[in-house]
């Protein structure tokens, strides 16, 4: 009886082992084009984190939340900046900014973002939605450097250089957790605390 019970237990264990999912294969250079395309196709995600902006001798740091839903991006910057948060909405070519209860559109909104965040320079919001998830923006020339993990380590595009310093698991993906974006006279450091992706 004990022998039968032991044999049954072995069979059950063997069956259970057979149902375990295979380990995830490590990233390879060969599959980077397909992973890049998959990252570029992400059109719904949210990140919560912090940002530090340095423009010459001026700068600030604070909260940084970005919610992407198709062509619409809602960006919230909170922290110093004179005590006011800055809510930016980008929808296609349209840009609106809300600060201290006032909403601005068109050139006024662009000027406000440039003055508050970009040291007088336009921020590449359309490209940043791709840079943040670890991919170049489609349709524009880019120089890519892959790291040992065969993910982007550096990216140069549209006059900006992006350095990917750390990645972290995000649901079933691995996404940037810390990155630095630089252009002449301006540096943005982003640290992501949490990624949220749709199921």
C-alpha atoms as a PDB file:
ATOM      1  CA  UNK A   1       0.000   0.000   0.000  1.00  0.00           C
ATOM      2  CA  UNK A   2       2.834   2.356   0.885  1.00  0.00           C
ATOM      3  CA  UNK A   3       4.559   1.518  -2.389  1.00  0.00           C
ATOM      4  CA  UNK A   4       1.423   2.403  -4.344  1.00  0.00           C
ATOM      5  CA  UNK A   5       1.028   5.663  -2.420  1.00  0.00           C
ATOM      6  CA  UNK A   6       4.668   6.530  -3.033  1.00  0.00           C
ATOM      7  CA  UNK A   7       4.364   5.823  -6.745  1.00  0.00           C
ATOM      8  CA  UNK A   8       1.233   7.945  -6.950  1.00  0.00           C
ATOM      9  CA  UNK A   9       3.008  10.814  -5.192  1.00  0.00           C
ATOM     10  CA  UNK A  10       5.899  10.601  -7.649  1.00  0.00           C
ATOM     11  CA  UNK A  11       3.488  10.682 -10.577  1.00  0.00           C
ATOM     12  CA  UNK A  12       1.661  13.684  -9.124  1.00  0.00           C
ATOM     13  CA  UNK A  13       4.919  15.540  -8.580  1.00  0.00           C
ATOM     14  CA  UNK A  14       6.069  14.744 -12.099  1.00  0.00           C
ATOM     15  CA  UNK A  15       2.776  15.990 -13.501  1.00  0.00           C
ATOM     16  CA  UNK A  16       3.032  19.175 -11.435  1.00  0.00           C
ATOM     17  CA  UNK A  17       6.551  19.842 -12.675  1.00  0.00           C
ATOM     18  CA  UNK A  18       5.391  19.436 -16.242  1.00  0.00           C
ATOM     19  CA  UNK A  19       2.906  22.288 -15.807  1.00  0.00           C
ATOM     20  CA  UNK A  20       5.471  24.837 -14.615  1.00  0.00           C
ATOM     21  CA  UNK A  21       6.024  27.633 -17.172  1.00  0.00           C
ATOM     22  CA  UNK A  22       9.424  27.654 -18.856  1.00  0.00           C
ATOM     23  CA  UNK A  23      11.910  30.224 -17.558  1.00  0.00           C
ATOM     24  CA  UNK A  24      11.935  33.531 -19.385  1.00  0.00           C
ATOM     25  CA  UNK A  25      14.747  33.622 -21.915  1.00  0.00           C
ATOM     26  CA  UNK A  26      17.253  36.435 -21.401  1.00  0.00           C
ATOM     27  CA  UNK A  27      17.155  39.322 -23.836  1.00  0.00           C
ATOM     28  CA  UNK A  28      19.364  38.900 -26.868  1.00  0.00           C
ATOM     29  CA  UNK A  29      20.676  41.262 -29.517  1.00  0.00           C
ATOM     30  CA  UNK A  30      18.837  39.274 -32.204  1.00  0.00           C
ATOM     31  CA  UNK A  31      15.395  40.024 -30.775  1.00  0.00           C
ATOM     32  CA  UNK A  32      16.013  43.748 -30.130  1.00  0.00           C
ATOM     33  CA  UNK A  33      14.206  44.842 -33.346  1.00  0.00           C
ATOM     34  CA  UNK A  34      11.049  42.984 -32.301  1.00  0.00           C
ATOM     35  CA  UNK A  35      11.268  44.236 -28.701  1.00  0.00           C
ATOM     36  CA  UNK A  36      11.848  47.768 -29.964  1.00  0.00           C
ATOM     37  CA  UNK A  37       8.724  47.537 -32.130  1.00  0.00           C
ATOM     38  CA  UNK A  38       6.730  46.183 -29.176  1.00  0.00           C
ATOM     39  CA  UNK A  39       7.881  49.061 -26.955  1.00  0.00           C
ATOM     40  CA  UNK A  40       7.039  51.605 -29.645  1.00  0.00           C
ATOM     41  CA  UNK A  41       3.547  50.141 -29.909  1.00  0.00           C
ATOM     42  CA  UNK A  42       2.825  50.661 -26.194  1.00  0.00           C
ATOM     43  CA  UNK A  43       0.123  53.317 -26.247  1.00  0.00           C
ATOM     44  CA  UNK A  44      -1.360  53.021 -22.746  1.00  0.00           C
ATOM     45  CA  UNK A  45       0.770  53.244 -19.616  1.00  0.00           C
ATOM     46  CA  UNK A  46       1.343  55.291 -16.490  1.00  0.00           C
ATOM     47  CA  UNK A  47       4.501  56.035 -14.549  1.00  0.00           C
ATOM     48  CA  UNK A  48       4.971  57.666 -11.155  1.00  0.00           C
ATOM     49  CA  UNK A  49       8.368  59.006 -10.261  1.00  0.00           C
ATOM     50  CA  UNK A  50      10.556  62.012  -9.710  1.00  0.00           C
ATOM     51  CA  UNK A  51      12.391  64.404 -11.986  1.00  0.00           C
ATOM     52  CA  UNK A  52      15.377  66.692 -11.472  1.00  0.00           C
ATOM     53  CA  UNK A  53      15.879  69.474 -14.002  1.00  0.00           C
ATOM     54  CA  UNK A  54      19.159  71.371 -14.360  1.00  0.00           C
ATOM     55  CA  UNK A  55      19.450  74.318 -16.756  1.00  0.00           C
ATOM     56  CA  UNK A  56      22.710  76.154 -16.268  1.00  0.00           C
ATOM     57  CA  UNK A  57      22.702  77.388 -12.680  1.00  0.00           C
ATOM     58  CA  UNK A  58      18.945  76.985 -12.352  1.00  0.00           C
ATOM     59  CA  UNK A  59      16.971  73.853 -11.652  1.00  0.00           C
ATOM     60  CA  UNK A  60      14.357  72.109  -9.577  1.00  0.00           C
ATOM     61  CA  UNK A  61      13.277  68.640  -8.548  1.00  0.00           C
ATOM     62  CA  UNK A  62       9.874  67.239  -7.781  1.00  0.00           C
ATOM     63  CA  UNK A  63       7.251  64.661  -8.561  1.00  0.00           C
ATOM     64  CA  UNK A  64       6.823  63.450 -12.126  1.00  0.00           C
ATOM     65  CA  UNK A  65       3.737  61.543 -13.257  1.00  0.00           C
ATOM     66  CA  UNK A  66       3.045  60.645 -16.887  1.00  0.00           C
ATOM     67  CA  UNK A  67      -0.083  58.956 -18.221  1.00  0.00           C
ATOM     68  CA  UNK A  68      -0.159  57.938 -21.884  1.00  0.00           C
ATOM     69  CA  UNK A  69      -3.448  56.989 -23.551  1.00  0.00           C
ATOM     70  CA  UNK A  70      -3.095  56.732 -27.292  1.00  0.00           C
ATOM     71  CA  UNK A  71      -2.108  60.148 -28.646  1.00  0.00           C
ATOM     72  CA  UNK A  72      -2.965  61.877 -25.371  1.00  0.00           C
ATOM     73  CA  UNK A  73      -0.358  62.428 -22.682  1.00  0.00           C
ATOM     74  CA  UNK A  74      -1.124  63.871 -19.236  1.00  0.00           C
ATOM     75  CA  UNK A  75       2.016  65.006 -17.418  1.00  0.00           C
ATOM     76  CA  UNK A  76       2.042  66.319 -13.865  1.00  0.00           C
ATOM     77  CA  UNK A  77       5.069  68.067 -12.386  1.00  0.00           C
ATOM     78  CA  UNK A  78       4.822  68.792  -8.684  1.00  0.00           C
ATOM     79  CA  UNK A  79       7.272  70.261  -6.237  1.00  0.00           C
ATOM     80  CA  UNK A  80       9.133  73.556  -5.877  1.00  0.00           C
ATOM     81  CA  UNK A  81       8.605  75.720  -8.990  1.00  0.00           C
ATOM     82  CA  UNK A  82       7.306  78.554  -6.852  1.00  0.00           C
ATOM     83  CA  UNK A  83       5.038  76.181  -4.959  1.00  0.00           C
ATOM     84  CA  UNK A  84       2.834  75.451  -7.966  1.00  0.00           C
ATOM     85  CA  UNK A  85       2.337  72.214  -9.812  1.00  0.00           C
ATOM     86  CA  UNK A  86       2.270  72.140 -13.585  1.00  0.00           C
ATOM     87  CA  UNK A  87      -0.259  69.950 -15.417  1.00  0.00           C
ATOM     88  CA  UNK A  88       0.518  69.448 -19.094  1.00  0.00           C
ATOM     89  CA  UNK A  89      -1.816  67.797 -21.589  1.00  0.00           C
ATOM     90  CA  UNK A  90      -0.654  66.894 -25.079  1.00  0.00           C
ATOM     91  CA  UNK A  91      -3.222  65.587 -27.538  1.00  0.00           C
ATOM     92  CA  UNK A  92      -1.918  65.293 -31.070  1.00  0.00           C
ATOM     93  CA  UNK A  93      -0.551  68.740 -31.917  1.00  0.00           C
ATOM     94  CA  UNK A  94      -2.584  70.480 -29.199  1.00  0.00           C
ATOM     95  CA  UNK A  95      -0.923  71.491 -25.926  1.00  0.00           C
ATOM     96  CA  UNK A  96      -2.595  72.864 -22.805  1.00  0.00           C
ATOM     97  CA  UNK A  97      -1.039  73.747 -19.462  1.00  0.00           C
ATOM     98  CA  UNK A  98      -2.794  74.285 -16.151  1.00  0.00           C
ATOM     99  CA  UNK A  99      -1.066  76.100 -13.290  1.00  0.00           C
ATOM    100  CA  UNK A 100      -2.567  77.739 -10.202  1.00  0.00           C
ATOM    101  CA  UNK A 101      -6.044  77.080 -11.552  1.00  0.00           C
ATOM    102  CA  UNK A 102      -5.401  78.860 -14.852  1.00  0.00           C
ATOM    103  CA  UNK A 103      -5.353  76.968 -18.166  1.00  0.00           C
ATOM    104  CA  UNK A 104      -3.253  78.098 -21.114  1.00  0.00           C
ATOM    105  CA  UNK A 105      -3.227  76.882 -24.700  1.00  0.00           C
ATOM    106  CA  UNK A 106      -1.333  77.381 -27.943  1.00  0.00           C
ATOM    107  CA  UNK A 107       1.833  79.475 -27.872  1.00  0.00           C
ATOM    108  CA  UNK A 108       1.170  80.619 -24.306  1.00  0.00           C
ATOM    109  CA  UNK A 109       1.238  76.996 -23.144  1.00  0.00           C
ATOM    110  CA  UNK A 110       4.438  76.225 -25.063  1.00  0.00           C
ATOM    111  CA  UNK A 111       6.133  79.331 -23.728  1.00  0.00           C
ATOM    112  CA  UNK A 112       5.135  78.455 -20.174  1.00  0.00           C
ATOM    113  CA  UNK A 113       6.569  74.929 -20.460  1.00  0.00           C
ATOM    114  CA  UNK A 114       9.783  76.253 -21.980  1.00  0.00           C
ATOM    115  CA  UNK A 115      10.189  78.872 -19.270  1.00  0.00           C
ATOM    116  CA  UNK A 116       9.329  76.596 -16.359  1.00  0.00           C
ATOM    117  CA  UNK A 117      10.983  73.375 -17.456  1.00  0.00           C
ATOM    118  CA  UNK A 118      12.991  73.750 -20.623  1.00  0.00           C
ATOM    119  CA  UNK A 119      15.157  76.802 -19.985  1.00  0.00           C
ATOM    120  CA  UNK A 120      13.637  78.472 -23.012  1.00  0.00           C
ATOM    121  CA  UNK A 121      13.867  75.307 -25.123  1.00  0.00           C
ATOM    122  CA  UNK A 122      10.927  73.261 -26.422  1.00  0.00           C
ATOM    123  CA  UNK A 123      10.628  69.916 -24.671  1.00  0.00           C
ATOM    124  CA  UNK A 124      10.401  66.900 -27.010  1.00  0.00           C
ATOM    125  CA  UNK A 125       7.184  65.571 -25.489  1.00  0.00           C
ATOM    126  CA  UNK A 126       6.250  63.624 -28.630  1.00  0.00           C
ATOM    127  CA  UNK A 127       9.563  61.746 -28.523  1.00  0.00           C
ATOM    128  CA  UNK A 128       9.715  61.378 -24.740  1.00  0.00           C
ATOM    129  CA  UNK A 129       6.743  59.012 -24.672  1.00  0.00           C
ATOM    130  CA  UNK A 130       8.985  56.505 -26.480  1.00  0.00           C
ATOM    131  CA  UNK A 131      12.255  57.372 -24.736  1.00  0.00           C
ATOM    132  CA  UNK A 132      10.686  56.782 -21.339  1.00  0.00           C
ATOM    133  CA  UNK A 133       9.767  53.174 -22.202  1.00  0.00           C
ATOM    134  CA  UNK A 134      13.254  52.497 -23.580  1.00  0.00           C
ATOM    135  CA  UNK A 135      12.843  52.881 -27.344  1.00  0.00           C
ATOM    136  CA  UNK A 136      13.639  55.485 -30.003  1.00  0.00           C
ATOM    137  CA  UNK A 137      10.775  57.512 -31.415  1.00  0.00           C
ATOM    138  CA  UNK A 138       9.721  55.984 -34.751  1.00  0.00           C
ATOM    139  CA  UNK A 139      10.210  57.901 -37.962  1.00  0.00           C
ATOM    140  CA  UNK A 140      13.327  59.847 -36.957  1.00  0.00           C
ATOM    141  CA  UNK A 141      17.031  58.932 -37.255  1.00  0.00           C
ATOM    142  CA  UNK A 142      18.544  57.574 -34.056  1.00  0.00           C
ATOM    143  CA  UNK A 143      21.827  56.170 -32.805  1.00  0.00           C
ATOM    144  CA  UNK A 144      21.289  53.189 -30.506  1.00  0.00           C
ATOM    145  CA  UNK A 145      23.787  51.585 -28.137  1.00  0.00           C
ATOM    146  CA  UNK A 146      22.764  48.329 -26.477  1.00  0.00           C
ATOM    147  CA  UNK A 147      24.084  47.254 -23.093  1.00  0.00           C
ATOM    148  CA  UNK A 148      25.121  43.790 -21.941  1.00  0.00           C
ATOM    149  CA  UNK A 149      21.458  42.989 -21.300  1.00  0.00           C
ATOM    150  CA  UNK A 150      20.726  43.859 -24.962  1.00  0.00           C
ATOM    151  CA  UNK A 151      18.493  46.745 -23.960  1.00  0.00           C
ATOM    152  CA  UNK A 152      19.143  50.371 -24.770  1.00  0.00           C
ATOM    153  CA  UNK A 153      22.055  51.781 -22.797  1.00  0.00           C
ATOM    154  CA  UNK A 154      22.310  55.014 -24.782  1.00  0.00           C
ATOM    155  CA  UNK A 155      20.215  56.723 -27.404  1.00  0.00           C
ATOM    156  CA  UNK A 156      20.868  59.848 -29.471  1.00  0.00           C
ATOM    157  CA  UNK A 157      17.902  61.355 -31.301  1.00  0.00           C
ATOM    158  CA  UNK A 158      16.509  64.776 -32.226  1.00  0.00           C
ATOM    159  CA  UNK A 159      19.407  66.622 -30.616  1.00  0.00           C
ATOM    160  CA  UNK A 160      19.055  64.783 -27.293  1.00  0.00           C
ATOM    161  CA  UNK A 161      21.147  62.071 -25.650  1.00  0.00           C
ATOM    162  CA  UNK A 162      19.462  59.604 -23.338  1.00  0.00           C
ATOM    163  CA  UNK A 163      21.401  57.393 -20.947  1.00  0.00           C
ATOM    164  CA  UNK A 164      19.606  54.402 -19.442  1.00  0.00           C
ATOM    165  CA  UNK A 165      21.123  53.727 -16.042  1.00  0.00           C
ATOM    166  CA  UNK A 166      18.802  51.088 -14.633  1.00  0.00           C
ATOM    167  CA  UNK A 167      15.912  48.853 -15.692  1.00  0.00           C
ATOM    168  CA  UNK A 168      13.318  47.122 -13.504  1.00  0.00           C
ATOM    169  CA  UNK A 169      10.510  44.584 -14.000  1.00  0.00           C
ATOM    170  CA  UNK A 170       7.161  46.131 -14.909  1.00  0.00           C
ATOM    171  CA  UNK A 171       4.426  43.511 -15.070  1.00  0.00           C
ATOM    172  CA  UNK A 172       5.556  41.166 -17.865  1.00  0.00           C
ATOM    173  CA  UNK A 173       8.096  43.656 -19.221  1.00  0.00           C
ATOM    174  CA  UNK A 174      11.365  45.229 -18.195  1.00  0.00           C
ATOM    175  CA  UNK A 175      11.264  49.030 -18.438  1.00  0.00           C
ATOM    176  CA  UNK A 176      13.600  51.905 -17.543  1.00  0.00           C
ATOM    177  CA  UNK A 177      13.734  52.800 -13.857  1.00  0.00           C
ATOM    178  CA  UNK A 178      16.371  55.538 -14.045  1.00  0.00           C
ATOM    179  CA  UNK A 179      17.480  57.585 -17.047  1.00  0.00           C
ATOM    180  CA  UNK A 180      19.105  60.915 -17.876  1.00  0.00           C
ATOM    181  CA  UNK A 181      18.148  63.071 -20.865  1.00  0.00           C
ATOM    182  CA  UNK A 182      20.569  65.753 -22.043  1.00  0.00           C
ATOM    183  CA  UNK A 183      20.637  68.465 -24.656  1.00  0.00           C
ATOM    184  CA  UNK A 184      22.687  71.633 -24.833  1.00  0.00           C
ATOM    185  CA  UNK A 185      22.142  73.621 -21.644  1.00  0.00           C
ATOM    186  CA  UNK A 186      19.523  71.262 -20.182  1.00  0.00           C
ATOM    187  CA  UNK A 187      19.558  67.988 -18.246  1.00  0.00           C
ATOM    188  CA  UNK A 188      16.590  65.947 -17.031  1.00  0.00           C
ATOM    189  CA  UNK A 189      17.034  63.079 -14.600  1.00  0.00           C
ATOM    190  CA  UNK A 190      14.064  60.752 -14.231  1.00  0.00           C
ATOM    191  CA  UNK A 191      13.626  58.101 -11.545  1.00  0.00           C
ATOM    192  CA  UNK A 192      10.562  55.868 -11.943  1.00  0.00           C
ATOM    193  CA  UNK A 193       9.009  54.506  -8.771  1.00  0.00           C
ATOM    194  CA  UNK A 194       6.177  52.600 -10.408  1.00  0.00           C
ATOM    195  CA  UNK A 195       5.059  51.541 -13.874  1.00  0.00           C
ATOM    196  CA  UNK A 196       1.450  50.585 -14.553  1.00  0.00           C
ATOM    197  CA  UNK A 197       0.533  48.815 -17.779  1.00  0.00           C
ATOM    198  CA  UNK A 198      -2.901  47.598 -18.901  1.00  0.00           C
ATOM    199  CA  UNK A 199      -3.496  43.838 -18.603  1.00  0.00           C
END
